[in-house]
Amino acid sequence: MTRTFIALELDESLQRYLGETIRQLAQELHGPALRWVDPAGIHLTLAFLGDLNDEQLAEAMRATERAARKVSPFEYCLSRPGLFGSPRQPRVIWIGVDEPSGNLQLLHRQLNLELVQHGFEVDARPFSPHLTLARIKGPLRQEEQQRLQRLLTVEDRQRLSPTIHVSQICVMKSELSQTRANYTCLQSSALGR
């Protein structure tokens, strides 16, 4: 079985930007409940498929290839940080994705359509493109909550974000170890015809 997801990989400039963003946030927020993400392991996930056998993996690759052909390459940059969960008990700190052409949303829709046609279940929630910066494993103290709210209102992050050109989508394998997750692109599919 292969633990599988479909994602856009990040280039080195965006990984450096995210590393600096995480470093700045971690200087302000460093409680035991926070688990900051390694920038080298961040992907823009479009679909998580879980453990697949070889036949299912081949179907996922075919579905991804077909979806990729239907969408033109596009560019995006990062927007503002945000939270999943309530401000008092956040679960995830993330940074948003700004993609004005609509092709990222189109790619997600096309991918879901292809996956469903190949017998996969897809997440029915609205697609909210984001990159996870930290996971919060427990309640934050009052002063940590206040610091986090201040950090989320910083206005200058979008100006500094590099623009990322997307020309391919990857079927990814995730291998979990005791210390970290390792990711491997099993198939890369070019966008456009």
C-alpha atoms as a PDB file:
ATOM      1  CA  MET A   1       0.000   0.000   0.000  1.00  0.00           C
ATOM      2  CA  THR A   2       1.157   3.500  -0.842  1.00  0.00           C
ATOM      3  CA  ARG A   3       0.058   6.515   1.213  1.00  0.00           C
ATOM      4  CA  THR A   4      -0.868   8.881  -1.597  1.00  0.00           C
ATOM      5  CA  PHE A   5      -1.841  12.499  -2.176  1.00  0.00           C
ATOM      6  CA  ILE A   6      -1.897  14.820  -5.183  1.00  0.00           C
ATOM      7  CA  ALA A   7      -0.215  18.192  -4.851  1.00  0.00           C
ATOM      8  CA  LEU A   8       1.729  21.072  -6.308  1.00  0.00           C
ATOM      9  CA  GLU A   9       5.361  21.020  -5.249  1.00  0.00           C
ATOM     10  CA  LEU A  10       7.028  24.245  -4.117  1.00  0.00           C
ATOM     11  CA  ASP A  11      10.205  25.658  -5.598  1.00  0.00           C
ATOM     12  CA  GLU A  12      13.241  26.632  -3.518  1.00  0.00           C
ATOM     13  CA  SER A  13      12.405  30.356  -3.484  1.00  0.00           C
ATOM     14  CA  LEU A  14       9.020  29.664  -1.907  1.00  0.00           C
ATOM     15  CA  GLN A  15      10.526  27.171   0.548  1.00  0.00           C
ATOM     16  CA  ARG A  16      13.034  29.850   1.616  1.00  0.00           C
ATOM     17  CA  TYR A  17      10.226  32.398   1.984  1.00  0.00           C
ATOM     18  CA  LEU A  18       8.180  29.959   4.075  1.00  0.00           C
ATOM     19  CA  GLY A  19      11.232  29.095   6.175  1.00  0.00           C
ATOM     20  CA  GLU A  20      11.756  32.765   6.982  1.00  0.00           C
ATOM     21  CA  THR A  21       8.049  33.259   7.707  1.00  0.00           C
ATOM     22  CA  ILE A  22       8.036  30.257  10.054  1.00  0.00           C
ATOM     23  CA  ARG A  23      11.249  31.466  11.744  1.00  0.00           C
ATOM     24  CA  GLN A  24       9.721  34.916  12.379  1.00  0.00           C
ATOM     25  CA  LEU A  25       6.482  33.448  13.733  1.00  0.00           C
ATOM     26  CA  ALA A  26       8.329  30.884  15.878  1.00  0.00           C
ATOM     27  CA  GLN A  27      10.349  33.675  17.540  1.00  0.00           C
ATOM     28  CA  GLU A  28       7.072  35.112  18.806  1.00  0.00           C
ATOM     29  CA  LEU A  29       5.210  31.835  19.405  1.00  0.00           C
ATOM     30  CA  HIS A  30       7.231  29.054  20.978  1.00  0.00           C
ATOM     31  CA  GLY A  31       5.011  27.139  23.359  1.00  0.00           C
ATOM     32  CA  PRO A  32       5.137  23.351  23.718  1.00  0.00           C
ATOM     33  CA  ALA A  33       1.773  23.002  21.942  1.00  0.00           C
ATOM     34  CA  LEU A  34       3.150  24.345  18.635  1.00  0.00           C
ATOM     35  CA  ARG A  35       4.686  22.047  16.009  1.00  0.00           C
ATOM     36  CA  TRP A  36       6.231  24.099  13.199  1.00  0.00           C
ATOM     37  CA  VAL A  37       6.362  22.461   9.776  1.00  0.00           C
ATOM     38  CA  ASP A  38       9.642  21.811   7.918  1.00  0.00           C
ATOM     39  CA  PRO A  39       9.451  24.083   4.819  1.00  0.00           C
ATOM     40  CA  ALA A  40      11.057  21.351   2.681  1.00  0.00           C
ATOM     41  CA  GLY A  41       8.002  19.167   3.303  1.00  0.00           C
ATOM     42  CA  ILE A  42       5.294  21.724   2.498  1.00  0.00           C
ATOM     43  CA  HIS A  43       3.089  21.065  -0.536  1.00  0.00           C
ATOM     44  CA  LEU A  44      -0.098  22.614  -1.857  1.00  0.00           C
ATOM     45  CA  THR A  45      -2.319  19.552  -1.473  1.00  0.00           C
ATOM     46  CA  LEU A  46      -5.195  19.147  -3.927  1.00  0.00           C
ATOM     47  CA  ALA A  47      -6.407  15.681  -2.888  1.00  0.00           C
ATOM     48  CA  PHE A  48      -5.488  13.213  -0.159  1.00  0.00           C
ATOM     49  CA  LEU A  49      -6.230   9.622  -1.193  1.00  0.00           C
ATOM     50  CA  GLY A  50      -4.782   7.631   1.699  1.00  0.00           C
ATOM     51  CA  ASP A  51      -3.343   4.116   1.329  1.00  0.00           C
ATOM     52  CA  LEU A  52      -3.685   2.792  -2.238  1.00  0.00           C
ATOM     53  CA  ASN A  53      -2.841  -0.576  -3.741  1.00  0.00           C
ATOM     54  CA  ASP A  54      -0.940  -0.727  -7.051  1.00  0.00           C
ATOM     55  CA  GLU A  55      -4.102  -0.801  -9.177  1.00  0.00           C
ATOM     56  CA  GLN A  56      -5.628   2.174  -7.333  1.00  0.00           C
ATOM     57  CA  LEU A  57      -2.354   4.078  -7.609  1.00  0.00           C
ATOM     58  CA  ALA A  58      -2.305   3.539 -11.385  1.00  0.00           C
ATOM     59  CA  GLU A  59      -5.912   4.811 -11.583  1.00  0.00           C
ATOM     60  CA  ALA A  60      -5.005   7.891  -9.527  1.00  0.00           C
ATOM     61  CA  MET A  61      -2.108   8.597 -11.886  1.00  0.00           C
ATOM     62  CA  ARG A  62      -4.361   8.309 -14.957  1.00  0.00           C
ATOM     63  CA  ALA A  63      -6.963  10.598 -13.367  1.00  0.00           C
ATOM     64  CA  THR A  64      -4.284  13.167 -12.495  1.00  0.00           C
ATOM     65  CA  GLU A  65      -2.856  13.076 -16.030  1.00  0.00           C
ATOM     66  CA  ARG A  66      -6.300  13.692 -17.569  1.00  0.00           C
ATOM     67  CA  ALA A  67      -7.107  16.532 -15.158  1.00  0.00           C
ATOM     68  CA  ALA A  68      -3.743  18.216 -15.785  1.00  0.00           C
ATOM     69  CA  ARG A  69      -4.303  18.287 -19.559  1.00  0.00           C
ATOM     70  CA  LYS A  70      -7.523  20.299 -19.089  1.00  0.00           C
ATOM     71  CA  VAL A  71      -5.952  23.243 -17.222  1.00  0.00           C
ATOM     72  CA  SER A  72      -3.415  25.802 -18.456  1.00  0.00           C
ATOM     73  CA  PRO A  73      -0.310  26.686 -16.420  1.00  0.00           C
ATOM     74  CA  PHE A  74      -0.815  29.507 -13.916  1.00  0.00           C
ATOM     75  CA  GLU A  75       0.912  31.601 -11.265  1.00  0.00           C
ATOM     76  CA  TYR A  76       0.192  32.235  -7.610  1.00  0.00           C
ATOM     77  CA  CYS A  77       1.658  34.032  -4.630  1.00  0.00           C
ATOM     78  CA  LEU A  78       0.992  33.792  -0.927  1.00  0.00           C
ATOM     79  CA  SER A  79      -1.481  35.999   0.893  1.00  0.00           C
ATOM     80  CA  ARG A  80      -2.230  36.359   4.581  1.00  0.00           C
ATOM     81  CA  PRO A  81      -1.767  33.867   7.406  1.00  0.00           C
ATOM     82  CA  GLY A  82      -4.839  32.445   9.102  1.00  0.00           C
ATOM     83  CA  LEU A  83      -6.133  29.784  11.472  1.00  0.00           C
ATOM     84  CA  PHE A  84      -8.215  26.648  11.363  1.00  0.00           C
ATOM     85  CA  GLY A  85     -10.154  26.291  14.577  1.00  0.00           C
ATOM     86  CA  SER A  86     -11.346  29.048  16.853  1.00  0.00           C
ATOM     87  CA  PRO A  87      -9.066  31.946  17.879  1.00  0.00           C
ATOM     88  CA  ARG A  88      -9.123  30.563  21.428  1.00  0.00           C
ATOM     89  CA  GLN A  89      -8.290  27.002  20.378  1.00  0.00           C
ATOM     90  CA  PRO A  90      -6.644  27.066  16.959  1.00  0.00           C
ATOM     91  CA  ARG A  91      -5.575  23.743  15.410  1.00  0.00           C
ATOM     92  CA  VAL A  92      -3.528  24.939  12.430  1.00  0.00           C
ATOM     93  CA  ILE A  93      -1.668  28.112  11.421  1.00  0.00           C
ATOM     94  CA  TRP A  94      -1.622  28.452   7.644  1.00  0.00           C
ATOM     95  CA  ILE A  95      -0.844  30.954   4.910  1.00  0.00           C
ATOM     96  CA  GLY A  96      -3.287  31.533   2.073  1.00  0.00           C
ATOM     97  CA  VAL A  97      -2.760  31.278  -1.671  1.00  0.00           C
ATOM     98  CA  ASP A  98      -3.693  34.091  -4.069  1.00  0.00           C
ATOM     99  CA  GLU A  99      -4.281  32.830  -7.626  1.00  0.00           C
ATOM    100  CA  PRO A 100      -6.338  35.381  -9.594  1.00  0.00           C
ATOM    101  CA  SER A 101      -6.805  33.455 -12.885  1.00  0.00           C
ATOM    102  CA  GLY A 102      -9.062  30.814 -11.326  1.00  0.00           C
ATOM    103  CA  ASN A 103      -6.965  27.981 -12.792  1.00  0.00           C
ATOM    104  CA  LEU A 104      -6.046  26.583  -9.375  1.00  0.00           C
ATOM    105  CA  GLN A 105      -9.738  26.182  -8.505  1.00  0.00           C
ATOM    106  CA  LEU A 106     -10.366  24.753 -11.984  1.00  0.00           C
ATOM    107  CA  LEU A 107      -7.529  22.246 -11.527  1.00  0.00           C
ATOM    108  CA  HIS A 108      -8.986  21.150  -8.188  1.00  0.00           C
ATOM    109  CA  ARG A 109     -12.476  20.714  -9.739  1.00  0.00           C
ATOM    110  CA  GLN A 110     -11.131  18.788 -12.753  1.00  0.00           C
ATOM    111  CA  LEU A 111      -9.023  16.560 -10.524  1.00  0.00           C
ATOM    112  CA  ASN A 112     -11.995  15.772  -8.276  1.00  0.00           C
ATOM    113  CA  LEU A 113     -14.185  14.970 -11.300  1.00  0.00           C
ATOM    114  CA  GLU A 114     -11.559  12.587 -12.695  1.00  0.00           C
ATOM    115  CA  LEU A 115     -10.962  10.950  -9.312  1.00  0.00           C
ATOM    116  CA  VAL A 116     -14.693  10.364  -8.739  1.00  0.00           C
ATOM    117  CA  GLN A 117     -14.999   8.835 -12.223  1.00  0.00           C
ATOM    118  CA  HIS A 118     -12.220   6.427 -11.232  1.00  0.00           C
ATOM    119  CA  GLY A 119     -13.980   5.358  -8.033  1.00  0.00           C
ATOM    120  CA  PHE A 120     -12.222   7.562  -5.485  1.00  0.00           C
ATOM    121  CA  GLU A 121     -13.947   9.445  -2.694  1.00  0.00           C
ATOM    122  CA  VAL A 122     -13.037  13.127  -2.591  1.00  0.00           C
ATOM    123  CA  ASP A 123     -13.364  15.756   0.107  1.00  0.00           C
ATOM    124  CA  ALA A 124     -16.739  17.474  -0.330  1.00  0.00           C
ATOM    125  CA  ARG A 125     -15.733  20.601   1.618  1.00  0.00           C
ATOM    126  CA  PRO A 126     -15.058  23.771  -0.381  1.00  0.00           C
ATOM    127  CA  PHE A 127     -11.448  23.994  -1.576  1.00  0.00           C
ATOM    128  CA  SER A 128      -9.485  26.517   0.481  1.00  0.00           C
ATOM    129  CA  PRO A 129      -5.934  26.587  -0.937  1.00  0.00           C
ATOM    130  CA  HIS A 130      -3.375  27.080   1.815  1.00  0.00           C
ATOM    131  CA  LEU A 131       0.013  25.961   3.079  1.00  0.00           C
ATOM    132  CA  THR A 132       0.252  24.674   6.660  1.00  0.00           C
ATOM    133  CA  LEU A 133       2.874  26.457   8.768  1.00  0.00           C
ATOM    134  CA  ALA A 134       2.203  24.900  12.188  1.00  0.00           C
ATOM    135  CA  ARG A 135      -0.041  22.437  13.967  1.00  0.00           C
ATOM    136  CA  ILE A 136      -1.231  23.233  17.464  1.00  0.00           C
ATOM    137  CA  LYS A 137      -1.481  20.148  19.667  1.00  0.00           C
ATOM    138  CA  GLY A 138      -2.985  21.711  22.770  1.00  0.00           C
ATOM    139  CA  PRO A 139      -4.535  24.894  24.166  1.00  0.00           C
ATOM    140  CA  LEU A 140      -2.530  28.098  23.951  1.00  0.00           C
ATOM    141  CA  ARG A 141      -2.019  30.293  26.991  1.00  0.00           C
ATOM    142  CA  GLN A 142      -3.821  33.663  26.984  1.00  0.00           C
ATOM    143  CA  GLU A 143      -0.653  35.620  26.087  1.00  0.00           C
ATOM    144  CA  GLU A 144       0.112  33.169  23.231  1.00  0.00           C
ATOM    145  CA  GLN A 145      -3.409  33.660  21.868  1.00  0.00           C
ATOM    146  CA  GLN A 146      -2.946  37.444  21.957  1.00  0.00           C
ATOM    147  CA  ARG A 147       0.487  37.254  20.301  1.00  0.00           C
ATOM    148  CA  LEU A 148      -0.902  34.969  17.590  1.00  0.00           C
ATOM    149  CA  GLN A 149      -3.765  37.377  16.841  1.00  0.00           C
ATOM    150  CA  ARG A 150      -1.276  40.266  16.516  1.00  0.00           C
ATOM    151  CA  LEU A 151       0.923  38.230  14.165  1.00  0.00           C
ATOM    152  CA  LEU A 152      -2.026  37.360  11.928  1.00  0.00           C
ATOM    153  CA  THR A 153      -2.663  41.040  11.238  1.00  0.00           C
ATOM    154  CA  VAL A 154       0.821  41.801   9.813  1.00  0.00           C
ATOM    155  CA  GLU A 155       0.204  43.428   6.417  1.00  0.00           C
ATOM    156  CA  ASP A 156       3.542  43.092   4.612  1.00  0.00           C
ATOM    157  CA  ARG A 157       3.701  39.344   3.924  1.00  0.00           C
ATOM    158  CA  GLN A 158       1.938  39.366   0.546  1.00  0.00           C
ATOM    159  CA  ARG A 159       4.301  42.001  -0.892  1.00  0.00           C
ATOM    160  CA  LEU A 160       7.312  39.831  -0.091  1.00  0.00           C
ATOM    161  CA  SER A 161       5.984  36.530  -1.408  1.00  0.00           C
ATOM    162  CA  PRO A 162       7.639  35.238  -4.578  1.00  0.00           C
ATOM    163  CA  THR A 163       5.370  34.496  -7.537  1.00  0.00           C
ATOM    164  CA  ILE A 164       5.248  30.787  -8.307  1.00  0.00           C
ATOM    165  CA  HIS A 165       4.718  29.468 -11.834  1.00  0.00           C
ATOM    166  CA  VAL A 166       2.812  26.172 -11.866  1.00  0.00           C
ATOM    167  CA  SER A 167       3.253  23.950 -14.905  1.00  0.00           C
ATOM    168  CA  GLN A 168       2.807  20.473 -13.400  1.00  0.00           C
ATOM    169  CA  ILE A 169       0.945  18.487 -10.772  1.00  0.00           C
ATOM    170  CA  CYS A 170       2.408  15.552  -8.829  1.00  0.00           C
ATOM    171  CA  VAL A 171       1.092  12.274  -7.493  1.00  0.00           C
ATOM    172  CA  MET A 172       2.966  12.074  -4.194  1.00  0.00           C
ATOM    173  CA  LYS A 173       3.954   9.214  -1.911  1.00  0.00           C
ATOM    174  CA  SER A 174       4.162   9.932   1.821  1.00  0.00           C
ATOM    175  CA  GLU A 175       6.279   7.767   4.118  1.00  0.00           C
ATOM    176  CA  LEU A 176       5.943   8.486   7.820  1.00  0.00           C
ATOM    177  CA  SER A 177       8.828   7.816  10.191  1.00  0.00           C
ATOM    178  CA  GLN A 178       9.202   8.524  13.901  1.00  0.00           C
ATOM    179  CA  THR A 179      11.017  11.790  13.238  1.00  0.00           C
ATOM    180  CA  ARG A 180       9.445  13.145  10.032  1.00  0.00           C
ATOM    181  CA  ALA A 181       7.528  12.479   6.844  1.00  0.00           C
ATOM    182  CA  ASN A 182       9.344  11.834   3.561  1.00  0.00           C
ATOM    183  CA  TYR A 183       7.684  12.771   0.284  1.00  0.00           C
ATOM    184  CA  THR A 184       8.412  11.429  -3.192  1.00  0.00           C
ATOM    185  CA  CYS A 185       6.837  12.542  -6.467  1.00  0.00           C
ATOM    186  CA  LEU A 186       5.767   9.290  -8.183  1.00  0.00           C
ATOM    187  CA  GLN A 187       4.412  10.975 -11.297  1.00  0.00           C
ATOM    188  CA  SER A 188       4.531  14.514 -12.606  1.00  0.00           C
ATOM    189  CA  SER A 189       1.865  15.569 -15.117  1.00  0.00           C
ATOM    190  CA  ALA A 190       2.289  18.695 -17.246  1.00  0.00           C
ATOM    191  CA  LEU A 191      -0.545  21.198 -17.283  1.00  0.00           C
ATOM    192  CA  GLY A 192      -2.185  22.090 -20.586  1.00  0.00           C
ATOM    193  CA  ARG A 193      -2.504  20.157 -23.827  1.00  0.00           C
END
